[in-house]
Every structure is written in structure tokens, then in C-alpha cells.
Amino acid sequence: MASRTRDYEQEKAKLRQFLVEFHVKEGRRKDFKYASQLTSIAHREQVLLTIDLDDVDSFDQELAEAVVENARRYTALMSDVVADLLPEYRTREEPS
């Protein structure tokens, strides 16, 4: 497989879109599983974001393949995306 140069800012945008928009349907309800994890992390109720690669694959197969090919890079990109997103998921102030 030929290696191609990736635009990592564009990849970060895809990762952000995945975290914000990915959902599973439970009857008539949508469960935004990563958005709910981000809320828990923002409120310090959870410390680890767990991402299922099958979810990434169902959202964007090319992105999932890129993650598999370069897991270290995509872990760093995902960390940046999560850090940028967390303030948006804080719905209450934490006590100091």
C-alpha cells in the first residue's frame, strides 16, 4: 500500500466530528456515547476515554485504517481534540 501524506488538521477535524456526532440508536433514542464520556471527563467523573475502533470504522473507514496504521500519531491527535472539546462539555463548575 502506498503511503500518502495526511493533512493532520483535517484528520483532527474528522476525529472531532466523530466524537461529537457518533451515536448508536436505542429504539427511538440516540446515545451519543463519546459525547457522554466527554461530559463525564469534563466533570472529573471519568479519567479515560474509551474508543471502540469498530465505531470509528463504521463512521469513517478510511479514518479507522489511518488509526490502525499510525496509532501513536492518532492517539496524540485524539488527545489534542479531547483537550479542545472538554470546555464545551463542562455543564457545571467543579468545586476547587
PDB file of N, CA and C in Angstrom:
ATOM      1  N   MET A   1       0.839  -1.182   0.000  1.00  0.00           N
ATOM      2  CA  MET A   1       0.000   0.000   0.000  1.00  0.00           C
ATOM      3  C   MET A   1       0.878   1.237   0.000  1.00  0.00           C
ATOM      4  N   ALA A   2       0.624   2.139  -0.882  1.00  0.00           N
ATOM      5  CA  ALA A   2       1.420   3.359  -0.988  1.00  0.00           C
ATOM      6  C   ALA A   2       1.059   4.312   0.144  1.00  0.00           C
ATOM      7  N   SER A   3       2.096   4.872   0.732  1.00  0.00           N
ATOM      8  CA  SER A   3       1.883   5.828   1.816  1.00  0.00           C
ATOM      9  C   SER A   3       1.505   7.172   1.208  1.00  0.00           C
ATOM     10  N   ARG A   4       0.570   7.832   1.831  1.00  0.00           N
ATOM     11  CA  ARG A   4       0.204   9.151   1.340  1.00  0.00           C
ATOM     12  C   ARG A   4       0.345  10.153   2.471  1.00  0.00           C
ATOM     13  N   THR A   5       0.622  11.372   2.108  1.00  0.00           N
ATOM     14  CA  THR A   5       0.769  12.428   3.093  1.00  0.00           C
ATOM     15  C   THR A   5      -0.613  12.810   3.601  1.00  0.00           C
ATOM     16  N   ARG A   6      -0.737  12.897   4.901  1.00  0.00           N
ATOM     17  CA  ARG A   6      -2.017  13.237   5.510  1.00  0.00           C
ATOM     18  C   ARG A   6      -2.001  14.672   6.017  1.00  0.00           C
ATOM     19  N   ASP A   7      -3.130  15.320   5.896  1.00  0.00           N
ATOM     20  CA  ASP A   7      -3.333  16.647   6.457  1.00  0.00           C
ATOM     21  C   ASP A   7      -3.861  16.416   7.875  1.00  0.00           C
ATOM     22  N   TYR A   8      -2.989  16.542   8.862  1.00  0.00           N
ATOM     23  CA  TYR A   8      -3.376  16.188  10.225  1.00  0.00           C
ATOM     24  C   TYR A   8      -4.389  17.155  10.825  1.00  0.00           C
ATOM     25  N   GLU A   9      -4.448  18.378  10.344  1.00  0.00           N
ATOM     26  CA  GLU A   9      -5.513  19.283  10.812  1.00  0.00           C
ATOM     27  C   GLU A   9      -6.868  18.774  10.319  1.00  0.00           C
ATOM     28  N   GLN A  10      -6.894  18.283   9.096  1.00  0.00           N
ATOM     29  CA  GLN A  10      -8.130  17.706   8.557  1.00  0.00           C
ATOM     30  C   GLN A  10      -8.481  16.413   9.310  1.00  0.00           C
ATOM     31  N   GLU A  11      -7.475  15.647   9.663  1.00  0.00           N
ATOM     32  CA  GLU A  11      -7.717  14.424  10.432  1.00  0.00           C
ATOM     33  C   GLU A  11      -8.270  14.759  11.819  1.00  0.00           C
ATOM     34  N   LYS A  12      -7.746  15.834  12.426  1.00  0.00           N
ATOM     35  CA  LYS A  12      -8.274  16.259  13.721  1.00  0.00           C
ATOM     36  C   LYS A  12      -9.733  16.677  13.594  1.00  0.00           C
ATOM     37  N   ALA A  13     -10.082  17.319  12.495  1.00  0.00           N
ATOM     38  CA  ALA A  13     -11.473  17.711  12.266  1.00  0.00           C
ATOM     39  C   ALA A  13     -12.368  16.476  12.155  1.00  0.00           C
ATOM     40  N   LYS A  14     -11.871  15.433  11.489  1.00  0.00           N
ATOM     41  CA  LYS A  14     -12.632  14.184  11.388  1.00  0.00           C
ATOM     42  C   LYS A  14     -12.798  13.532  12.762  1.00  0.00           C
ATOM     43  N   LEU A  15     -11.729  13.532  13.557  1.00  0.00           N
ATOM     44  CA  LEU A  15     -11.807  12.952  14.901  1.00  0.00           C
ATOM     45  C   LEU A  15     -12.801  13.729  15.761  1.00  0.00           C
ATOM     46  N   ARG A  16     -12.762  15.040  15.653  1.00  0.00           N
ATOM     47  CA  ARG A  16     -13.709  15.887  16.402  1.00  0.00           C
ATOM     48  C   ARG A  16     -15.141  15.555  15.993  1.00  0.00           C
ATOM     49  N   GLN A  17     -15.376  15.473  14.692  1.00  0.00           N
ATOM     50  CA  GLN A  17     -16.707  15.155  14.188  1.00  0.00           C
ATOM     51  C   GLN A  17     -17.158  13.790  14.713  1.00  0.00           C
ATOM     52  N   PHE A  18     -16.262  12.838  14.716  1.00  0.00           N
ATOM     53  CA  PHE A  18     -16.585  11.507  15.236  1.00  0.00           C
ATOM     54  C   PHE A  18     -17.010  11.598  16.707  1.00  0.00           C
ATOM     55  N   LEU A  19     -16.206  12.252  17.530  1.00  0.00           N
ATOM     56  CA  LEU A  19     -16.517  12.324  18.959  1.00  0.00           C
ATOM     57  C   LEU A  19     -17.843  13.027  19.227  1.00  0.00           C
ATOM     58  N   VAL A  20     -18.119  14.073  18.486  1.00  0.00           N
ATOM     59  CA  VAL A  20     -19.326  14.869  18.712  1.00  0.00           C
ATOM     60  C   VAL A  20     -20.572  14.212  18.130  1.00  0.00           C
ATOM     61  N   GLU A  21     -20.445  13.616  16.946  1.00  0.00           N
ATOM     62  CA  GLU A  21     -21.630  13.158  16.220  1.00  0.00           C
ATOM     63  C   GLU A  21     -21.926  11.672  16.332  1.00  0.00           C
ATOM     64  N   PHE A  22     -20.939  10.845  16.658  1.00  0.00           N
ATOM     65  CA  PHE A  22     -21.197   9.407  16.648  1.00  0.00           C
ATOM     66  C   PHE A  22     -22.263   9.045  17.684  1.00  0.00           C
ATOM     67  N   HIS A  23     -23.215   8.243  17.255  1.00  0.00           N
ATOM     68  CA  HIS A  23     -24.259   7.780  18.169  1.00  0.00           C
ATOM     69  C   HIS A  23     -24.727   6.395  17.746  1.00  0.00           C
ATOM     70  N   VAL A  24     -25.334   5.727  18.695  1.00  0.00           N
ATOM     71  CA  VAL A  24     -25.997   4.456  18.412  1.00  0.00           C
ATOM     72  C   VAL A  24     -27.462   4.656  18.741  1.00  0.00           C
ATOM     73  N   LYS A  25     -28.293   4.047  17.942  1.00  0.00           N
ATOM     74  CA  LYS A  25     -29.734   4.178  18.175  1.00  0.00           C
ATOM     75  C   LYS A  25     -30.184   3.104  19.145  1.00  0.00           C
ATOM     76  N   GLU A  26     -30.938   3.542  20.122  1.00  0.00           N
ATOM     77  CA  GLU A  26     -31.543   2.639  21.095  1.00  0.00           C
ATOM     78  C   GLU A  26     -33.037   2.896  21.034  1.00  0.00           C
ATOM     79  N   GLY A  27     -33.709   2.145  20.171  1.00  0.00           N
ATOM     80  CA  GLY A  27     -35.125   2.407  19.929  1.00  0.00           C
ATOM     81  C   GLY A  27     -35.250   3.725  19.192  1.00  0.00           C
ATOM     82  N   ARG A  28     -36.007   4.644  19.771  1.00  0.00           N
ATOM     83  CA  ARG A  28     -36.192   5.963  19.147  1.00  0.00           C
ATOM     84  C   ARG A  28     -35.174   6.976  19.661  1.00  0.00           C
ATOM     85  N   ARG A  29     -34.344   6.549  20.587  1.00  0.00           N
ATOM     86  CA  ARG A  29     -33.381   7.427  21.246  1.00  0.00           C
ATOM     87  C   ARG A  29     -31.993   7.256  20.633  1.00  0.00           C
ATOM     88  N   LYS A  30     -31.239   8.341  20.567  1.00  0.00           N
ATOM     89  CA  LYS A  30     -29.852   8.286  20.118  1.00  0.00           C
ATOM     90  C   LYS A  30     -28.943   8.399  21.334  1.00  0.00           C
ATOM     91  N   ASP A  31     -27.981   7.494  21.433  1.00  0.00           N
ATOM     92  CA  ASP A  31     -26.991   7.538  22.510  1.00  0.00           C
ATOM     93  C   ASP A  31     -25.672   8.042  21.918  1.00  0.00           C
ATOM     94  N   PHE A  32     -25.321   9.276  22.271  1.00  0.00           N
ATOM     95  CA  PHE A  32     -24.064   9.862  21.819  1.00  0.00           C
ATOM     96  C   PHE A  32     -22.980   9.400  22.792  1.00  0.00           C
ATOM     97  N   LYS A  33     -22.466   8.199  22.541  1.00  0.00           N
ATOM     98  CA  LYS A  33     -21.634   7.529  23.534  1.00  0.00           C
ATOM     99  C   LYS A  33     -20.330   8.258  23.842  1.00  0.00           C
ATOM    100  N   TYR A  34     -19.737   8.920  22.878  1.00  0.00           N
ATOM    101  CA  TYR A  34     -18.481   9.620  23.166  1.00  0.00           C
ATOM    102  C   TYR A  34     -18.740  10.998  23.753  1.00  0.00           C
ATOM    103  N   ALA A  35     -19.810  11.649  23.351  1.00  0.00           N
ATOM    104  CA  ALA A  35     -20.179  12.927  23.949  1.00  0.00           C
ATOM    105  C   ALA A  35     -20.477  12.750  25.434  1.00  0.00           C
ATOM    106  N   SER A  36     -21.140  11.647  25.789  1.00  0.00           N
ATOM    107  CA  SER A  36     -21.432  11.422  27.212  1.00  0.00           C
ATOM    108  C   SER A  36     -20.147  11.124  27.988  1.00  0.00           C
ATOM    109  N   GLN A  37     -19.203  10.430  27.371  1.00  0.00           N
ATOM    110  CA  GLN A  37     -17.917  10.201  28.042  1.00  0.00           C
ATOM    111  C   GLN A  37     -17.164  11.521  28.233  1.00  0.00           C
ATOM    112  N   LEU A  38     -17.209  12.387  27.225  1.00  0.00           N
ATOM    113  CA  LEU A  38     -16.539  13.684  27.339  1.00  0.00           C
ATOM    114  C   LEU A  38     -17.130  14.512  28.472  1.00  0.00           C
ATOM    115  N   THR A  39     -18.445  14.452  28.634  1.00  0.00           N
ATOM    116  CA  THR A  39     -19.083  15.163  29.740  1.00  0.00           C
ATOM    117  C   THR A  39     -18.585  14.622  31.077  1.00  0.00           C
ATOM    118  N   SER A  40     -18.504  13.304  31.193  1.00  0.00           N
ATOM    119  CA  SER A  40     -18.000  12.695  32.433  1.00  0.00           C
ATOM    120  C   SER A  40     -16.547  13.075  32.694  1.00  0.00           C
ATOM    121  N   ILE A  41     -15.745  13.119  31.662  1.00  0.00           N
ATOM    122  CA  ILE A  41     -14.339  13.515  31.819  1.00  0.00           C
ATOM    123  C   ILE A  41     -14.260  14.987  32.214  1.00  0.00           C
ATOM    124  N   ALA A  42     -15.054  15.830  31.577  1.00  0.00           N
ATOM    125  CA  ALA A  42     -15.050  17.261  31.891  1.00  0.00           C
ATOM    126  C   ALA A  42     -15.422  17.517  33.343  1.00  0.00           C
ATOM    127  N   HIS A  43     -16.251  16.644  33.914  1.00  0.00           N
ATOM    128  CA  HIS A  43     -16.676  16.799  35.309  1.00  0.00           C
ATOM    129  C   HIS A  43     -15.864  15.948  36.273  1.00  0.00           C
ATOM    130  N   ARG A  44     -14.776  15.396  35.766  1.00  0.00           N
ATOM    131  CA  ARG A  44     -13.837  14.605  36.576  1.00  0.00           C
ATOM    132  C   ARG A  44     -14.490  13.384  37.201  1.00  0.00           C
ATOM    133  N   GLU A  45     -15.481  12.848  36.518  1.00  0.00           N
ATOM    134  CA  GLU A  45     -16.139  11.617  36.966  1.00  0.00           C
ATOM    135  C   GLU A  45     -15.536  10.407  36.259  1.00  0.00           C
ATOM    136  N   GLN A  46     -14.728  10.670  35.252  1.00  0.00           N
ATOM    137  CA  GLN A  46     -14.104   9.638  34.432  1.00  0.00           C
ATOM    138  C   GLN A  46     -12.744  10.187  34.023  1.00  0.00           C
ATOM    139  N   VAL A  47     -11.743   9.318  33.929  1.00  0.00           N
ATOM    140  CA  VAL A  47     -10.406   9.799  33.577  1.00  0.00           C
ATOM    141  C   VAL A  47      -9.905   9.247  32.247  1.00  0.00           C
ATOM    142  N   LEU A  48     -10.601   8.272  31.696  1.00  0.00           N
ATOM    143  CA  LEU A  48     -10.138   7.605  30.490  1.00  0.00           C
ATOM    144  C   LEU A  48     -11.231   7.599  29.436  1.00  0.00           C
ATOM    145  N   LEU A  49     -10.898   8.018  28.234  1.00  0.00           N
ATOM    146  CA  LEU A  49     -11.834   7.961  27.111  1.00  0.00           C
ATOM    147  C   LEU A  49     -11.592   6.647  26.390  1.00  0.00           C
ATOM    148  N   THR A  50     -12.605   5.817  26.323  1.00  0.00           N
ATOM    149  CA  THR A  50     -12.503   4.530  25.658  1.00  0.00           C
ATOM    150  C   THR A  50     -13.210   4.609  24.314  1.00  0.00           C
ATOM    151  N   ILE A  51     -12.451   4.358  23.258  1.00  0.00           N
ATOM    152  CA  ILE A  51     -12.989   4.438  21.903  1.00  0.00           C
ATOM    153  C   ILE A  51     -12.925   3.059  21.263  1.00  0.00           C
ATOM    154  N   ASP A  52     -14.033   2.637  20.705  1.00  0.00           N
ATOM    155  CA  ASP A  52     -14.124   1.354  20.020  1.00  0.00           C
ATOM    156  C   ASP A  52     -13.752   1.576  18.553  1.00  0.00           C
ATOM    157  N   LEU A  53     -12.703   0.908  18.100  1.00  0.00           N
ATOM    158  CA  LEU A  53     -12.260   1.074  16.723  1.00  0.00           C
ATOM    159  C   LEU A  53     -13.349   0.682  15.725  1.00  0.00           C
ATOM    160  N   ASP A  54     -14.209  -0.246  16.094  1.00  0.00           N
ATOM    161  CA  ASP A  54     -15.331  -0.601  15.219  1.00  0.00           C
ATOM    162  C   ASP A  54     -16.264   0.594  15.019  1.00  0.00           C
ATOM    163  N   ASP A  55     -16.415   1.428  16.045  1.00  0.00           N
ATOM    164  CA  ASP A  55     -17.230   2.636  15.913  1.00  0.00           C
ATOM    165  C   ASP A  55     -16.585   3.604  14.924  1.00  0.00           C
ATOM    166  N   VAL A  56     -15.277   3.770  15.046  1.00  0.00           N
ATOM    167  CA  VAL A  56     -14.565   4.648  14.112  1.00  0.00           C
ATOM    168  C   VAL A  56     -14.732   4.106  12.698  1.00  0.00           C
ATOM    169  N   ASP A  57     -14.599   2.797  12.534  1.00  0.00           N
ATOM    170  CA  ASP A  57     -14.722   2.168  11.225  1.00  0.00           C
ATOM    171  C   ASP A  57     -16.110   2.371  10.625  1.00  0.00           C
ATOM    172  N   SER A  58     -17.141   2.255  11.444  1.00  0.00           N
ATOM    173  CA  SER A  58     -18.495   2.438  10.914  1.00  0.00           C
ATOM    174  C   SER A  58     -18.762   3.909  10.578  1.00  0.00           C
ATOM    175  N   PHE A  59     -18.058   4.816  11.247  1.00  0.00           N
ATOM    176  CA  PHE A  59     -18.204   6.249  10.994  1.00  0.00           C
ATOM    177  C   PHE A  59     -17.412   6.677   9.759  1.00  0.00           C
ATOM    178  N   ASP A  60     -16.164   6.196   9.657  1.00  0.00           N
ATOM    179  CA  ASP A  60     -15.275   6.589   8.554  1.00  0.00           C
ATOM    180  C   ASP A  60     -14.198   5.516   8.419  1.00  0.00           C
ATOM    181  N   GLN A  61     -14.376   4.640   7.452  1.00  0.00           N
ATOM    182  CA  GLN A  61     -13.472   3.506   7.285  1.00  0.00           C
ATOM    183  C   GLN A  61     -12.036   3.952   7.021  1.00  0.00           C
ATOM    184  N   GLU A  62     -11.868   4.981   6.223  1.00  0.00           N
ATOM    185  CA  GLU A  62     -10.522   5.477   5.923  1.00  0.00           C
ATOM    186  C   GLU A  62      -9.830   5.994   7.187  1.00  0.00           C
ATOM    187  N   LEU A  63     -10.591   6.672   8.037  1.00  0.00           N
ATOM    188  CA  LEU A  63     -10.035   7.170   9.295  1.00  0.00           C
ATOM    189  C   LEU A  63      -9.613   6.001  10.183  1.00  0.00           C
ATOM    190  N   ALA A  64     -10.432   4.975  10.256  1.00  0.00           N
ATOM    191  CA  ALA A  64     -10.094   3.801  11.069  1.00  0.00           C
ATOM    192  C   ALA A  64      -8.818   3.137  10.567  1.00  0.00           C
ATOM    193  N   GLU A  65      -8.668   3.035   9.263  1.00  0.00           N
ATOM    194  CA  GLU A  65      -7.458   2.443   8.698  1.00  0.00           C
ATOM    195  C   GLU A  65      -6.234   3.285   9.039  1.00  0.00           C
ATOM    196  N   ALA A  66      -6.386   4.602   8.994  1.00  0.00           N
ATOM    197  CA  ALA A  66      -5.282   5.502   9.343  1.00  0.00           C
ATOM    198  C   ALA A  66      -4.898   5.337  10.811  1.00  0.00           C
ATOM    199  N   VAL A  67      -5.878   5.162  11.682  1.00  0.00           N
ATOM    200  CA  VAL A  67      -5.616   4.960  13.107  1.00  0.00           C
ATOM    201  C   VAL A  67      -4.814   3.672  13.310  1.00  0.00           C
ATOM    202  N   VAL A  68      -5.204   2.619  12.627  1.00  0.00           N
ATOM    203  CA  VAL A  68      -4.501   1.338  12.750  1.00  0.00           C
ATOM    204  C   VAL A  68      -3.067   1.464  12.231  1.00  0.00           C
ATOM    205  N   GLU A  69      -2.893   2.167  11.122  1.00  0.00           N
ATOM    206  CA  GLU A  69      -1.569   2.302  10.510  1.00  0.00           C
ATOM    207  C   GLU A  69      -0.622   3.167  11.338  1.00  0.00           C
ATOM    208  N   ASN A  70      -1.156   4.104  12.103  1.00  0.00           N
ATOM    209  CA  ASN A  70      -0.307   5.026  12.848  1.00  0.00           C
ATOM    210  C   ASN A  70      -0.959   5.369  14.186  1.00  0.00           C
ATOM    211  N   ALA A  71      -1.110   4.358  15.025  1.00  0.00           N
ATOM    212  CA  ALA A  71      -1.827   4.508  16.293  1.00  0.00           C
ATOM    213  C   ALA A  71      -1.215   5.581  17.189  1.00  0.00           C
ATOM    214  N   ARG A  72       0.093   5.651  17.239  1.00  0.00           N
ATOM    215  CA  ARG A  72       0.746   6.634  18.116  1.00  0.00           C
ATOM    216  C   ARG A  72       0.369   8.060  17.701  1.00  0.00           C
ATOM    217  N   ARG A  73       0.433   8.348  16.414  1.00  0.00           N
ATOM    218  CA  ARG A  73       0.091   9.690  15.925  1.00  0.00           C
ATOM    219  C   ARG A  73      -1.371  10.020  16.216  1.00  0.00           C
ATOM    220  N   TYR A  74      -2.253   9.047  15.962  1.00  0.00           N
ATOM    221  CA  TYR A  74      -3.680   9.310  16.144  1.00  0.00           C
ATOM    222  C   TYR A  74      -4.065   9.392  17.616  1.00  0.00           C
ATOM    223  N   THR A  75      -3.331   8.730  18.474  1.00  0.00           N
ATOM    224  CA  THR A  75      -3.566   8.882  19.913  1.00  0.00           C
ATOM    225  C   THR A  75      -3.249  10.323  20.316  1.00  0.00           C
ATOM    226  N   ALA A  76      -2.152  10.852  19.798  1.00  0.00           N
ATOM    227  CA  ALA A  76      -1.780  12.242  20.094  1.00  0.00           C
ATOM    228  C   ALA A  76      -2.806  13.212  19.510  1.00  0.00           C
ATOM    229  N   LEU A  77      -3.242  12.955  18.278  1.00  0.00           N
ATOM    230  CA  LEU A  77      -4.251  13.826  17.665  1.00  0.00           C
ATOM    231  C   LEU A  77      -5.552  13.798  18.464  1.00  0.00           C
ATOM    232  N   MET A  78      -5.958  12.606  18.873  1.00  0.00           N
ATOM    233  CA  MET A  78      -7.190  12.475  19.654  1.00  0.00           C
ATOM    234  C   MET A  78      -7.054  13.207  20.988  1.00  0.00           C
ATOM    235  N   SER A  79      -5.895  13.122  21.610  1.00  0.00           N
ATOM    236  CA  SER A  79      -5.672  13.842  22.870  1.00  0.00           C
ATOM    237  C   SER A  79      -5.842  15.345  22.681  1.00  0.00           C
ATOM    238  N   ASP A  80      -5.302  15.862  21.579  1.00  0.00           N
ATOM    239  CA  ASP A  80      -5.460  17.296  21.284  1.00  0.00           C
ATOM    240  C   ASP A  80      -6.928  17.657  21.093  1.00  0.00           C
ATOM    241  N   VAL A  81      -7.645  16.825  20.354  1.00  0.00           N
ATOM    242  CA  VAL A  81      -9.065  17.076  20.083  1.00  0.00           C
ATOM    243  C   VAL A  81      -9.865  17.058  21.386  1.00  0.00           C
ATOM    244  N   VAL A  82      -9.594  16.076  22.222  1.00  0.00           N
ATOM    245  CA  VAL A  82     -10.310  15.972  23.505  1.00  0.00           C
ATOM    246  C   VAL A  82     -10.022  17.205  24.363  1.00  0.00           C
ATOM    247  N   ALA A  83      -8.773  17.617  24.430  1.00  0.00           N
ATOM    248  CA  ALA A  83      -8.423  18.801  25.223  1.00  0.00           C
ATOM    249  C   ALA A  83      -9.171  20.038  24.716  1.00  0.00           C
ATOM    250  N   ASP A  84      -9.307  20.154  23.403  1.00  0.00           N
ATOM    251  CA  ASP A  84     -10.036  21.289  22.834  1.00  0.00           C
ATOM    252  C   ASP A  84     -11.537  21.214  23.115  1.00  0.00           C
ATOM    253  N   LEU A  85     -12.073  19.995  23.156  1.00  0.00           N
ATOM    254  CA  LEU A  85     -13.517  19.810  23.327  1.00  0.00           C
ATOM    255  C   LEU A  85     -13.997  19.908  24.786  1.00  0.00           C
ATOM    256  N   LEU A  86     -13.167  19.547  25.724  1.00  0.00           N
ATOM    257  CA  LEU A  86     -13.627  19.435  27.114  1.00  0.00           C
ATOM    258  C   LEU A  86     -14.341  20.669  27.654  1.00  0.00           C
ATOM    259  N   PRO A  87     -13.856  21.882  27.393  1.00  0.00           N
ATOM    260  CA  PRO A  87     -14.599  23.048  27.916  1.00  0.00           C
ATOM    261  C   PRO A  87     -16.039  23.110  27.405  1.00  0.00           C
ATOM    262  N   GLU A  88     -16.298  22.603  26.220  1.00  0.00           N
ATOM    263  CA  GLU A  88     -17.652  22.615  25.667  1.00  0.00           C
ATOM    264  C   GLU A  88     -18.568  21.619  26.369  1.00  0.00           C
ATOM    265  N   TYR A  89     -17.992  20.635  27.036  1.00  0.00           N
ATOM    266  CA  TYR A  89     -18.787  19.590  27.686  1.00  0.00           C
ATOM    267  C   TYR A  89     -18.923  19.802  29.191  1.00  0.00           C
ATOM    268  N   ARG A  90     -18.350  20.867  29.700  1.00  0.00           N
ATOM    269  CA  ARG A  90     -18.489  21.165  31.129  1.00  0.00           C
ATOM    270  C   ARG A  90     -19.812  21.887  31.306  1.00  0.00           C
ATOM    271  N   THR A  91     -20.744  21.240  31.990  1.00  0.00           N
ATOM    272  CA  THR A  91     -22.072  21.825  32.150  1.00  0.00           C
ATOM    273  C   THR A  91     -22.271  22.439  33.526  1.00  0.00           C
ATOM    274  N   ARG A  92     -21.301  22.244  34.415  1.00  0.00           N
ATOM    275  CA  ARG A  92     -21.366  22.861  35.740  1.00  0.00           C
ATOM    276  C   ARG A  92     -19.951  23.106  36.219  1.00  0.00           C
ATOM    277  N   GLU A  93     -19.803  24.038  37.115  1.00  0.00           N
ATOM    278  CA  GLU A  93     -18.489  24.351  37.657  1.00  0.00           C
ATOM    279  C   GLU A  93     -18.109  23.317  38.704  1.00  0.00           C
ATOM    280  N   GLU A  94     -16.861  22.913  38.666  1.00  0.00           N
ATOM    281  CA  GLU A  94     -16.349  21.968  39.661  1.00  0.00           C
ATOM    282  C   GLU A  94     -15.868  22.740  40.897  1.00  0.00           C
ATOM    283  N   PRO A  95     -16.098  22.186  42.070  1.00  0.00           N
ATOM    284  CA  PRO A  95     -15.569  22.849  43.270  1.00  0.00           C
ATOM    285  C   PRO A  95     -14.049  22.818  43.261  1.00  0.00           C
ATOM    286  N   SER A  96     -13.438  23.857  43.786  1.00  0.00           N
ATOM    287  CA  SER A  96     -11.963  23.947  43.801  1.00  0.00           C
ATOM    288  C   SER A  96     -11.373  23.061  44.853  1.00  0.00           C
TER     289      SER A  96
END
